[in-house]
Protein backbone atom coordinates (compact mmCIF):
# COMPACT_ATOMS: atom_id res chain seq x y z
CA MET A 1 384.95 163.97 -161.33
CA ALA A 2 382.04 161.87 -162.50
CA GLY A 3 384.15 158.71 -162.38
CA ASP A 4 385.25 159.38 -158.81
CA GLU A 5 381.73 159.31 -157.33
CA PHE A 6 381.12 157.13 -154.30
CA LYS A 7 379.26 153.95 -155.38
CA ILE A 8 378.31 150.98 -153.19
CA GLU A 9 378.69 147.59 -154.87
CA ASP A 10 376.53 144.67 -153.75
CA ARG A 11 375.61 141.30 -155.21
CA PHE A 12 372.40 142.65 -156.77
CA SER A 13 374.06 145.53 -158.63
CA ARG A 14 375.34 143.31 -161.43
CA SER A 15 373.51 143.23 -164.74
CA ARG A 16 372.07 139.71 -164.26
CA GLY A 17 369.59 140.95 -161.61
CA LEU A 18 367.44 138.76 -159.34
CA PHE A 19 366.49 136.12 -161.92
CA PRO A 20 369.07 133.44 -160.96
CA TYR A 21 368.18 133.78 -157.26
CA VAL A 22 364.44 133.47 -157.89
CA VAL A 23 364.96 130.39 -160.07
CA GLY A 24 367.18 128.84 -157.38
CA ILE A 25 364.59 129.41 -154.62
CA ILE A 26 361.77 127.98 -156.76
CA GLY A 27 363.91 124.95 -157.60
CA LEU A 28 364.68 124.37 -153.92
CA VAL A 29 360.98 124.54 -153.01
CA VAL A 30 360.11 122.01 -155.73
CA VAL A 31 362.82 119.60 -154.50
CA VAL A 32 361.61 119.90 -150.87
CA VAL A 33 357.98 119.23 -151.87
CA ILE A 34 358.99 116.17 -153.93
CA VAL A 35 361.05 114.79 -151.03
CA MET A 36 358.11 115.35 -148.66
CA ILE A 37 355.75 113.46 -150.97
CA LEU A 38 358.13 110.56 -151.57
CA THR A 39 359.06 110.05 -147.90
CA GLY A 40 355.67 110.91 -146.41
CA LYS A 41 357.32 113.32 -143.96
CA GLY A 42 355.34 116.49 -143.47
CA LEU A 43 352.56 115.36 -145.81
CA SER A 44 349.98 117.05 -143.61
CA HIS A 45 351.74 120.41 -144.06
CA LEU A 46 351.36 120.40 -147.83
CA PRO A 47 348.45 122.21 -149.47
CA PHE A 48 345.43 119.91 -149.69
CA GLY A 49 347.08 117.56 -147.15
CA GLU A 50 343.67 116.63 -145.77
CA TYR A 51 342.89 114.79 -149.00
CA PHE A 52 345.74 112.36 -148.26
CA ALA A 53 344.66 111.75 -144.65
CA VAL A 54 342.84 108.62 -143.53
CA HIS A 55 339.89 109.55 -141.36
CA ALA A 56 338.28 107.40 -138.72
CA PRO A 57 334.82 106.20 -139.79
CA THR A 58 331.65 107.30 -138.01
CA ALA A 59 328.30 105.61 -137.57
CA ALA A 60 325.24 106.66 -139.56
CA ASP A 61 323.99 108.70 -136.59
CA GLY A 62 327.31 110.57 -136.41
CA THR A 63 328.49 108.89 -133.20
CA GLU A 64 331.19 106.30 -132.49
CA ALA A 65 331.86 103.75 -135.20
CA LEU A 66 332.51 100.83 -132.89
CA SER A 67 330.68 99.29 -129.96
CA LEU A 68 332.52 97.30 -127.30
CA GLN A 69 330.21 94.35 -126.63
CA SER A 70 332.24 92.35 -124.11
CA LEU A 71 335.58 92.54 -122.34
CA LYS A 72 337.01 89.92 -120.03
CA ASN A 73 340.37 89.84 -118.29
CA THR A 74 342.04 87.28 -116.09
CA THR A 75 345.34 87.27 -114.24
CA ASP A 76 347.30 84.14 -113.41
CA GLU A 77 349.31 84.42 -110.19
CA LYS A 78 349.93 88.10 -110.99
CA THR A 79 352.42 87.21 -113.74
CA THR A 80 350.23 87.21 -116.85
CA LEU A 81 347.19 89.16 -117.97
CA SER A 82 344.80 87.63 -120.51
CA ILE A 83 342.35 89.95 -122.27
CA GLU A 84 339.60 88.94 -124.67
CA GLY A 85 336.68 90.89 -126.04
CA THR A 86 334.23 91.47 -128.85
CA VAL A 87 333.57 94.64 -130.81
CA MET A 88 330.78 95.51 -133.25
CA ASN A 89 331.03 97.67 -136.38
CA ARG A 90 328.20 100.24 -136.14
CA THR A 91 328.86 101.84 -139.54
CA ASP A 92 327.29 101.07 -142.90
CA ARG A 93 330.72 100.31 -144.42
CA LYS A 94 333.24 97.52 -144.00
CA ILE A 95 336.23 98.28 -141.75
CA SER A 96 339.39 96.44 -142.77
CA GLY A 97 342.44 95.69 -140.63
CA LEU A 98 341.11 97.00 -137.31
CA VAL A 99 343.63 96.70 -134.47
CA ALA A 100 342.97 96.72 -130.71
CA VAL A 101 345.70 98.72 -128.94
CA ILE A 102 346.08 97.69 -125.30
CA ALA A 103 348.41 99.71 -123.04
CA VAL A 104 349.17 97.96 -119.73
CA THR A 105 350.59 99.71 -116.67
CA ASP A 106 351.77 98.31 -113.35
CA ARG A 107 350.50 99.27 -109.90
CA PHE A 108 352.84 102.29 -109.86
CA THR A 109 351.36 103.45 -113.23
CA LEU A 110 354.60 102.69 -115.05
CA PRO A 111 354.09 101.28 -118.56
CA VAL A 112 354.54 97.51 -118.83
CA ALA A 113 353.64 96.90 -122.48
CA THR A 114 351.61 98.22 -125.39
CA VAL A 115 350.18 95.41 -127.50
CA ASN A 116 348.62 95.71 -130.96
CA VAL A 117 346.12 92.88 -131.41
CA PRO A 118 344.35 92.37 -134.78
CA VAL A 119 340.57 92.05 -134.60
CA GLU A 120 339.31 88.86 -136.24
CA PRO A 121 337.89 88.72 -138.88
CA ALA A 122 340.19 91.16 -140.66
CA ASP A 123 337.27 92.61 -142.66
CA LEU A 124 334.60 93.67 -140.18
CA GLU A 125 331.31 93.85 -142.09
CA PRO A 126 328.65 96.48 -141.30
CA MET A 127 326.87 95.55 -138.04
CA GLY A 128 329.24 92.57 -137.77
CA THR A 129 331.22 91.59 -134.70
CA GLY A 130 334.88 90.73 -134.31
CA THR A 131 336.97 89.32 -131.49
CA PHE A 132 340.42 90.01 -130.08
CA THR A 133 342.52 88.02 -127.62
CA THR A 134 345.96 88.61 -126.13
CA THR A 135 348.18 87.69 -123.21
CA VAL A 136 350.62 90.14 -121.61
CA MET A 137 353.46 89.20 -119.28
CA LEU A 138 353.44 91.39 -116.18
CA GLY A 139 356.50 92.55 -114.30
CA GLU A 140 357.28 92.14 -110.64
CA ASN A 141 355.04 95.10 -109.76
CA GLY A 142 351.87 93.35 -110.91
CA LEU A 143 348.93 94.87 -112.76
CA GLY A 144 347.75 98.42 -112.28
CA THR A 145 345.41 99.24 -115.15
CA TYR A 146 345.09 98.80 -118.87
CA ASN A 147 343.69 101.05 -121.57
CA LEU A 148 341.88 99.75 -124.66
CA GLN A 149 341.62 101.68 -127.93
CA PHE A 150 340.99 100.71 -131.53
CA ARG A 151 343.07 101.88 -134.48
CA LEU A 152 343.05 101.56 -138.26
CA PRO A 153 346.01 99.67 -139.79
CA ASN A 154 349.44 101.11 -140.60
CA GLU A 155 349.46 103.48 -137.62
CA GLY A 156 346.20 105.01 -138.82
CA PRO A 157 343.90 107.14 -136.68
CA PHE A 158 342.22 105.83 -133.56
CA VAL A 159 338.58 104.84 -134.01
CA PRO A 160 336.28 105.92 -131.16
CA HIS A 161 334.09 103.27 -129.55
CA LYS A 162 331.06 103.10 -127.27
CA ASP A 163 331.16 100.93 -124.19
CA GLU A 164 327.94 98.93 -124.51
CA ARG A 165 328.85 96.05 -122.23
CA PRO A 166 325.99 94.80 -120.08
CA PRO A 167 326.27 95.73 -116.41
CA GLU A 168 328.03 93.15 -114.29
CA PRO A 169 325.71 91.10 -112.10
CA ILE A 170 325.72 91.91 -108.45
CA GLY A 171 327.35 88.99 -106.66
CA GLU A 172 327.11 87.88 -103.08
CA PRO A 173 327.23 90.67 -100.54
CA GLN A 174 330.70 91.13 -99.21
CA ALA A 175 331.46 91.03 -95.52
CA GLU A 176 331.67 94.28 -93.66
CA PRO A 177 335.26 95.48 -93.30
CA ILE A 178 336.67 95.09 -89.83
CA PRO A 179 337.41 98.50 -88.35
CA LEU A 180 340.97 99.10 -87.30
CA PRO A 181 341.53 99.82 -83.60
CA VAL A 182 341.94 103.48 -82.79
CA LYS A 183 344.87 104.40 -80.58
C-alpha cells in the first residue's frame, strides 16, 4: 500500500527545485534596472539615485542663489505683455543655462501661456548679472497675474531667488474715490 499513498503534486515538487525561478527573477530585475538607467525613467527610485540628481545651487550664506534686481512689465492695449528683468548670481560658482519660467494667467486665473526665457549671458559668473526679456500674447480676457521662477536647463530643478528690487517711488497722490450713492 505504500505506492497508493495520497501525494499532492505541485510545480516545486520536481527535482529541479527553486533554482530556475530564482535565476529568472534575478534576470528580470537586472533587465528592469538597465531599462530604467537607459531611459532615465524612475532614476530617482534606484539605489544611490541622489548621486544622479542635479541640485539647485545655494549662496555661500546658505540662502537663495539668485537675486532679482529689477522687473518691469508693460501691456499694449491689453493684447500683449512685455516683461524684462535682471537677475544676479549670488553664489561663488558659475551658473550655466539659467532659464526664467514665466507663467501668465488671465483675469479669471486661467492659464494663458508658460514661457521659458533664457537668461543672457548663458554663463552667469559669480556675482554677475544677467537679463531676460519676453513678450506674451494675451487672450481676450486680458492679464490677471504672472509668476516668475528660475530653472536650470533641461527641465532641471527650480532655483530659489530673493526679491531685492528697490521699492517703487511713491507717485502723485491719487484722487479720493467718489462714494457711491446709498439707496
